[in-house]
Each structure stands twice: as C-alpha cells, then as structure tokens.
Amino acid sequence: MSIVVKHIFKRYNNGMGIFEALPLMAEVKKSAHLNNHVLENFTIESQDKFSSKCKVCKKTIVIDLKAELPVNGEVIGVACQKPERKKKVQISS
C-alpha cells in the first residue's frame, strides 16, 4: 500500500466511531422523548464516547462503544421532571 492510501485508510477508520454510534444516538433520542426528555446534541468526549443531557432536568446520558453496556445514564427509564424552583421571598417595608 502506498503512504497516501494508508493515510486515507487510517483517517477513515478513526472516524468510524461516530458512524457506529449514530443509530444508538437516534434510538436514545427516541426513547428519551417517550419519557418527555428533551436531549441536547451529543458531544464527542473521545473517539468511542459521546454524551448528552436533558435541557429540562439536566440529567445525562453517555454512549460508550467500548463498554459492555454501551448506553448508560440517568435519563434511561426515568420520566423528566422539572426541578423545583425556590420561591423568591419578597420583603416589603
């Protein structure tokens, strides 16, 4: 193999992690939506690890392609609940 072909092959293989994770990301977004979560876009933590969090309740989910269970996080199987806001105390003089 020429050096150019090796370089292109290496670049192509390095980017394969995200292509393997895309179907998982789609399924995670669908199942999170069923539990009323609104996920942000996934961020790339490493070549095999991607994470996202719910915009409402701030719970996270991680996709790790090298792990035994590739999908892990607080979003799985839990309904989204807005965190309670503290009421402002109004002091009048």
N, C-alpha and C. Protein backbone atom coordinates (compact mmCIF):
# COMPACT_ATOMS: atom_id res chain seq x y z
N MET A 1 0.84 -1.19 0.00
CA MET A 1 0.00 0.00 0.00
C MET A 1 0.88 1.24 0.00
N SER A 2 0.45 2.22 -0.74
CA SER A 2 1.21 3.47 -0.75
C SER A 2 0.94 4.25 0.53
N ILE A 3 1.76 5.23 0.80
CA ILE A 3 1.62 6.05 2.01
C ILE A 3 0.31 6.82 1.98
N VAL A 4 -0.08 7.30 0.82
CA VAL A 4 -1.33 8.07 0.71
C VAL A 4 -2.52 7.18 1.03
N VAL A 5 -2.55 5.97 0.50
CA VAL A 5 -3.65 5.05 0.76
C VAL A 5 -3.71 4.69 2.24
N LYS A 6 -2.55 4.45 2.86
CA LYS A 6 -2.51 4.16 4.29
C LYS A 6 -3.06 5.33 5.09
N HIS A 7 -2.69 6.55 4.71
CA HIS A 7 -3.16 7.75 5.42
C HIS A 7 -4.68 7.89 5.31
N ILE A 8 -5.21 7.70 4.12
CA ILE A 8 -6.66 7.80 3.92
C ILE A 8 -7.38 6.70 4.67
N PHE A 9 -6.84 5.48 4.64
CA PHE A 9 -7.44 4.36 5.36
C PHE A 9 -7.45 4.62 6.86
N LYS A 10 -6.35 5.18 7.37
CA LYS A 10 -6.26 5.48 8.80
C LYS A 10 -7.27 6.55 9.19
N ARG A 11 -7.40 7.61 8.39
CA ARG A 11 -8.37 8.67 8.68
C ARG A 11 -9.79 8.14 8.64
N TYR A 12 -10.08 7.27 7.67
CA TYR A 12 -11.42 6.71 7.55
C TYR A 12 -11.75 5.85 8.76
N ASN A 13 -10.82 5.04 9.19
CA ASN A 13 -11.06 4.16 10.34
C ASN A 13 -11.18 4.94 11.64
N ASN A 14 -10.45 6.04 11.79
CA ASN A 14 -10.55 6.84 13.01
C ASN A 14 -11.92 7.47 13.17
N GLY A 15 -12.56 7.81 12.07
CA GLY A 15 -13.87 8.44 12.13
C GLY A 15 -15.03 7.47 12.22
N MET A 16 -14.77 6.19 12.23
CA MET A 16 -15.84 5.21 12.21
C MET A 16 -16.62 5.17 13.52
N GLY A 17 -16.04 5.62 14.61
CA GLY A 17 -16.72 5.58 15.90
C GLY A 17 -18.05 6.30 15.87
N ILE A 18 -18.07 7.47 15.28
CA ILE A 18 -19.31 8.25 15.25
C ILE A 18 -20.35 7.60 14.35
N PHE A 19 -19.90 6.95 13.27
CA PHE A 19 -20.86 6.29 12.37
C PHE A 19 -21.48 5.07 13.04
N GLU A 20 -20.73 4.40 13.91
CA GLU A 20 -21.28 3.28 14.65
C GLU A 20 -22.25 3.76 15.73
N ALA A 21 -22.02 4.96 16.25
CA ALA A 21 -22.84 5.49 17.34
C ALA A 21 -24.12 6.15 16.85
N LEU A 22 -24.20 6.55 15.60
CA LEU A 22 -25.38 7.28 15.11
C LEU A 22 -26.69 6.52 15.30
N PRO A 23 -26.77 5.22 14.98
CA PRO A 23 -28.03 4.52 15.24
C PRO A 23 -28.38 4.48 16.73
N LEU A 24 -27.38 4.32 17.57
CA LEU A 24 -27.63 4.34 19.02
C LEU A 24 -28.12 5.71 19.47
N MET A 25 -27.53 6.76 18.94
CA MET A 25 -27.95 8.12 19.29
C MET A 25 -29.41 8.35 18.91
N ALA A 26 -29.80 7.87 17.75
CA ALA A 26 -31.19 8.03 17.29
C ALA A 26 -32.14 7.28 18.21
N GLU A 27 -31.79 6.04 18.58
CA GLU A 27 -32.65 5.26 19.48
C GLU A 27 -32.73 5.90 20.87
N VAL A 28 -31.60 6.43 21.35
CA VAL A 28 -31.59 7.09 22.67
C VAL A 28 -32.49 8.31 22.65
N LYS A 29 -32.41 9.10 21.58
CA LYS A 29 -33.27 10.30 21.48
C LYS A 29 -34.74 9.92 21.44
N LYS A 30 -35.08 8.84 20.70
CA LYS A 30 -36.48 8.39 20.64
C LYS A 30 -36.98 7.95 22.00
N SER A 31 -36.20 7.10 22.67
CA SER A 31 -36.66 6.59 23.97
C SER A 31 -36.69 7.69 25.03
N ALA A 32 -35.77 8.63 24.96
CA ALA A 32 -35.79 9.75 25.91
C ALA A 32 -37.01 10.63 25.66
N HIS A 33 -37.37 10.80 24.39
CA HIS A 33 -38.54 11.62 24.06
C HIS A 33 -39.82 10.97 24.60
N LEU A 34 -39.88 9.65 24.62
CA LEU A 34 -41.04 8.96 25.17
C LEU A 34 -41.20 9.22 26.66
N ASN A 35 -40.10 9.53 27.35
CA ASN A 35 -40.14 9.87 28.76
C ASN A 35 -40.13 11.38 29.00
N ASN A 36 -40.48 12.14 27.96
CA ASN A 36 -40.59 13.61 27.99
C ASN A 36 -39.27 14.33 28.17
N HIS A 37 -38.15 13.68 27.92
CA HIS A 37 -36.85 14.36 27.96
C HIS A 37 -36.61 15.08 26.65
N VAL A 38 -35.90 16.19 26.72
CA VAL A 38 -35.51 16.94 25.53
C VAL A 38 -33.98 16.97 25.53
N LEU A 39 -33.36 16.08 24.76
CA LEU A 39 -31.90 15.96 24.78
C LEU A 39 -31.24 17.02 23.92
N GLU A 40 -30.11 17.51 24.42
CA GLU A 40 -29.27 18.40 23.63
C GLU A 40 -28.54 17.56 22.59
N ASN A 41 -27.81 18.21 21.69
CA ASN A 41 -26.99 17.47 20.73
C ASN A 41 -25.90 16.72 21.49
N PHE A 42 -25.50 15.58 20.96
CA PHE A 42 -24.45 14.79 21.60
C PHE A 42 -23.11 15.48 21.43
N THR A 43 -22.30 15.46 22.49
CA THR A 43 -20.93 15.98 22.42
C THR A 43 -19.97 14.81 22.33
N ILE A 44 -18.89 15.01 21.62
CA ILE A 44 -17.88 13.96 21.44
C ILE A 44 -16.85 14.10 22.55
N GLU A 45 -16.80 13.12 23.44
CA GLU A 45 -15.82 13.13 24.52
C GLU A 45 -14.53 12.44 24.11
N SER A 46 -14.65 11.38 23.33
CA SER A 46 -13.49 10.69 22.76
C SER A 46 -13.98 10.00 21.49
N GLN A 47 -13.11 9.21 20.89
CA GLN A 47 -13.47 8.54 19.64
C GLN A 47 -14.62 7.56 19.83
N ASP A 48 -14.74 7.01 21.03
CA ASP A 48 -15.76 6.00 21.29
C ASP A 48 -16.77 6.41 22.35
N LYS A 49 -16.75 7.66 22.79
CA LYS A 49 -17.61 8.08 23.89
C LYS A 49 -18.32 9.40 23.54
N PHE A 50 -19.64 9.40 23.71
CA PHE A 50 -20.47 10.55 23.37
C PHE A 50 -21.45 10.79 24.52
N SER A 51 -21.78 12.04 24.79
CA SER A 51 -22.68 12.32 25.90
C SER A 51 -23.67 13.42 25.53
N SER A 52 -24.77 13.44 26.27
CA SER A 52 -25.80 14.45 26.08
C SER A 52 -26.50 14.63 27.41
N LYS A 53 -27.27 15.70 27.54
CA LYS A 53 -28.07 15.90 28.74
C LYS A 53 -29.41 16.50 28.37
N CYS A 54 -30.36 16.31 29.26
CA CYS A 54 -31.71 16.82 29.05
C CYS A 54 -31.71 18.32 29.29
N LYS A 55 -32.37 19.06 28.42
CA LYS A 55 -32.44 20.51 28.56
C LYS A 55 -33.30 20.94 29.74
N VAL A 56 -34.24 20.07 30.14
CA VAL A 56 -35.19 20.42 31.19
C VAL A 56 -34.67 20.05 32.57
N CYS A 57 -34.35 18.76 32.76
CA CYS A 57 -33.99 18.27 34.11
C CYS A 57 -32.48 18.13 34.31
N LYS A 58 -31.69 18.35 33.27
CA LYS A 58 -30.23 18.31 33.31
C LYS A 58 -29.64 16.93 33.61
N LYS A 59 -30.41 15.86 33.45
CA LYS A 59 -29.88 14.50 33.63
C LYS A 59 -29.09 14.12 32.38
N THR A 60 -28.08 13.28 32.57
CA THR A 60 -27.15 12.98 31.48
C THR A 60 -27.33 11.56 30.95
N ILE A 61 -26.78 11.35 29.75
CA ILE A 61 -26.73 10.02 29.14
C ILE A 61 -25.41 9.93 28.39
N VAL A 62 -24.78 8.75 28.43
CA VAL A 62 -23.48 8.54 27.80
C VAL A 62 -23.56 7.31 26.90
N ILE A 63 -23.00 7.43 25.70
CA ILE A 63 -22.85 6.29 24.80
C ILE A 63 -21.36 5.99 24.73
N ASP A 64 -20.98 4.80 25.21
CA ASP A 64 -19.59 4.37 25.20
C ASP A 64 -19.51 3.07 24.41
N LEU A 65 -18.95 3.14 23.22
CA LEU A 65 -18.93 1.99 22.32
C LEU A 65 -18.04 0.86 22.81
N LYS A 66 -17.08 1.15 23.69
CA LYS A 66 -16.18 0.10 24.18
C LYS A 66 -16.72 -0.56 25.45
N ALA A 67 -17.74 -0.01 26.06
CA ALA A 67 -18.28 -0.57 27.30
C ALA A 67 -19.13 -1.79 27.01
N GLU A 68 -19.33 -2.59 28.05
CA GLU A 68 -20.17 -3.79 27.90
C GLU A 68 -21.62 -3.39 27.62
N LEU A 69 -22.10 -2.39 28.35
CA LEU A 69 -23.41 -1.79 28.08
C LEU A 69 -23.15 -0.42 27.48
N PRO A 70 -23.33 -0.25 26.17
CA PRO A 70 -22.91 1.00 25.53
C PRO A 70 -23.72 2.23 25.91
N VAL A 71 -24.97 2.07 26.37
CA VAL A 71 -25.79 3.22 26.73
C VAL A 71 -25.94 3.24 28.24
N ASN A 72 -25.62 4.38 28.85
CA ASN A 72 -25.61 4.47 30.29
C ASN A 72 -26.00 5.89 30.69
N GLY A 73 -26.76 6.04 31.74
CA GLY A 73 -27.05 7.37 32.22
C GLY A 73 -28.32 7.47 33.04
N GLU A 74 -28.59 8.67 33.52
CA GLU A 74 -29.73 8.94 34.38
C GLU A 74 -31.04 9.05 33.62
N VAL A 75 -30.97 9.29 32.33
CA VAL A 75 -32.17 9.52 31.51
C VAL A 75 -32.95 8.23 31.26
N ILE A 76 -32.26 7.10 31.28
CA ILE A 76 -32.87 5.82 30.91
C ILE A 76 -33.95 5.43 31.91
N GLY A 77 -35.16 5.24 31.41
CA GLY A 77 -36.25 4.71 32.20
C GLY A 77 -36.84 5.64 33.25
N VAL A 78 -36.45 6.89 33.27
CA VAL A 78 -36.95 7.83 34.26
C VAL A 78 -37.66 8.96 33.53
N ALA A 79 -38.85 9.31 34.00
CA ALA A 79 -39.59 10.41 33.38
C ALA A 79 -38.94 11.75 33.74
N CYS A 80 -39.01 12.68 32.83
CA CYS A 80 -38.43 14.00 33.03
C CYS A 80 -39.31 14.83 33.99
N GLN A 81 -38.67 15.44 34.95
CA GLN A 81 -39.37 16.32 35.87
C GLN A 81 -38.56 17.60 36.01
N LYS A 82 -39.25 18.71 35.89
CA LYS A 82 -38.57 19.98 36.08
C LYS A 82 -38.16 20.11 37.54
N PRO A 83 -36.94 20.57 37.80
CA PRO A 83 -36.55 20.79 39.19
C PRO A 83 -37.37 21.93 39.79
N GLU A 84 -37.68 21.79 41.07
CA GLU A 84 -38.47 22.83 41.72
C GLU A 84 -37.64 24.10 41.86
N ARG A 85 -38.28 25.20 41.56
CA ARG A 85 -37.62 26.48 41.74
C ARG A 85 -37.95 27.02 43.11
N LYS A 86 -36.97 27.62 43.70
CA LYS A 86 -37.20 28.23 45.00
C LYS A 86 -38.00 29.51 44.80
N LYS A 87 -38.99 29.68 45.64
CA LYS A 87 -39.80 30.89 45.54
C LYS A 87 -39.02 32.06 46.14
N LYS A 88 -39.10 33.17 45.47
CA LYS A 88 -38.44 34.37 45.98
C LYS A 88 -39.28 34.97 47.09
N VAL A 89 -38.65 35.29 48.14
CA VAL A 89 -39.33 35.92 49.26
C VAL A 89 -39.26 37.42 49.06
N GLN A 90 -40.43 38.02 49.06
CA GLN A 90 -40.50 39.46 48.85
C GLN A 90 -40.69 40.14 50.19
N ILE A 91 -39.77 41.01 50.50
CA ILE A 91 -39.84 41.72 51.77
C ILE A 91 -40.28 43.15 51.46
N SER A 92 -41.37 43.52 52.07
CA SER A 92 -41.83 44.90 51.88
C SER A 92 -41.59 45.68 53.14
N SER A 93 -41.31 46.94 52.97
CA SER A 93 -41.03 47.77 54.14
C SER A 93 -42.20 48.66 54.50
